């Protein structure tokens, strides 16, 4: 079942995001909500050293459909079904979905993608084929969001991986208030 890009954008503006299980698509608005505090995010010295070493080349929006597909292939039982992949690819073509890619020797090594609306960025998924490639992509995402004055980075659900990157949880009413403030901004992903 294909979900329309317009429906997906309307859902994000209200705090919901799609998930799929087989052919079933459902909408989540978790309480509490996981976010990254853009003004208070710290990176490990190891990651900062890796970024300085320039082991990876980083690009923006150069391989978004490939990143989306790789995120789906990165999981045994994926929520990122073919119809949802098509919807996010269409949203990329419309300028709402953005990707950060990391490359090693000209080969896609890792990356991430998400939805940008106003001053909010909704992180959707990330993958790596080379150790730390997705963490370098995440570092560059944070730099871009800070540079372009984004106010909210939604991690959606707290898990071991998002927690290791610095995600924290806030109650849904606070998330919804911050979302409303962020949506009122006109940030550009660039």
Foldseek 3Di string as FASTA:
>chain_A
DADALVVQVVQVLQQWHWFAAVPDIDIDRDFWFKWAQLVDFDDDPVLVVVVVVCQWDKDKQPPVLVFLVQQQVQDPGGRSDPNNSVNLVVCVVVPFKMKMFIDHPNHTFKIFMFGDAQLETETDGIDGNDPCRHVNNVVVQSVLSVVQVRGIYTPGDDDPVVVVRPMDTDGSVVVSVSSVVRNVHHTHSD
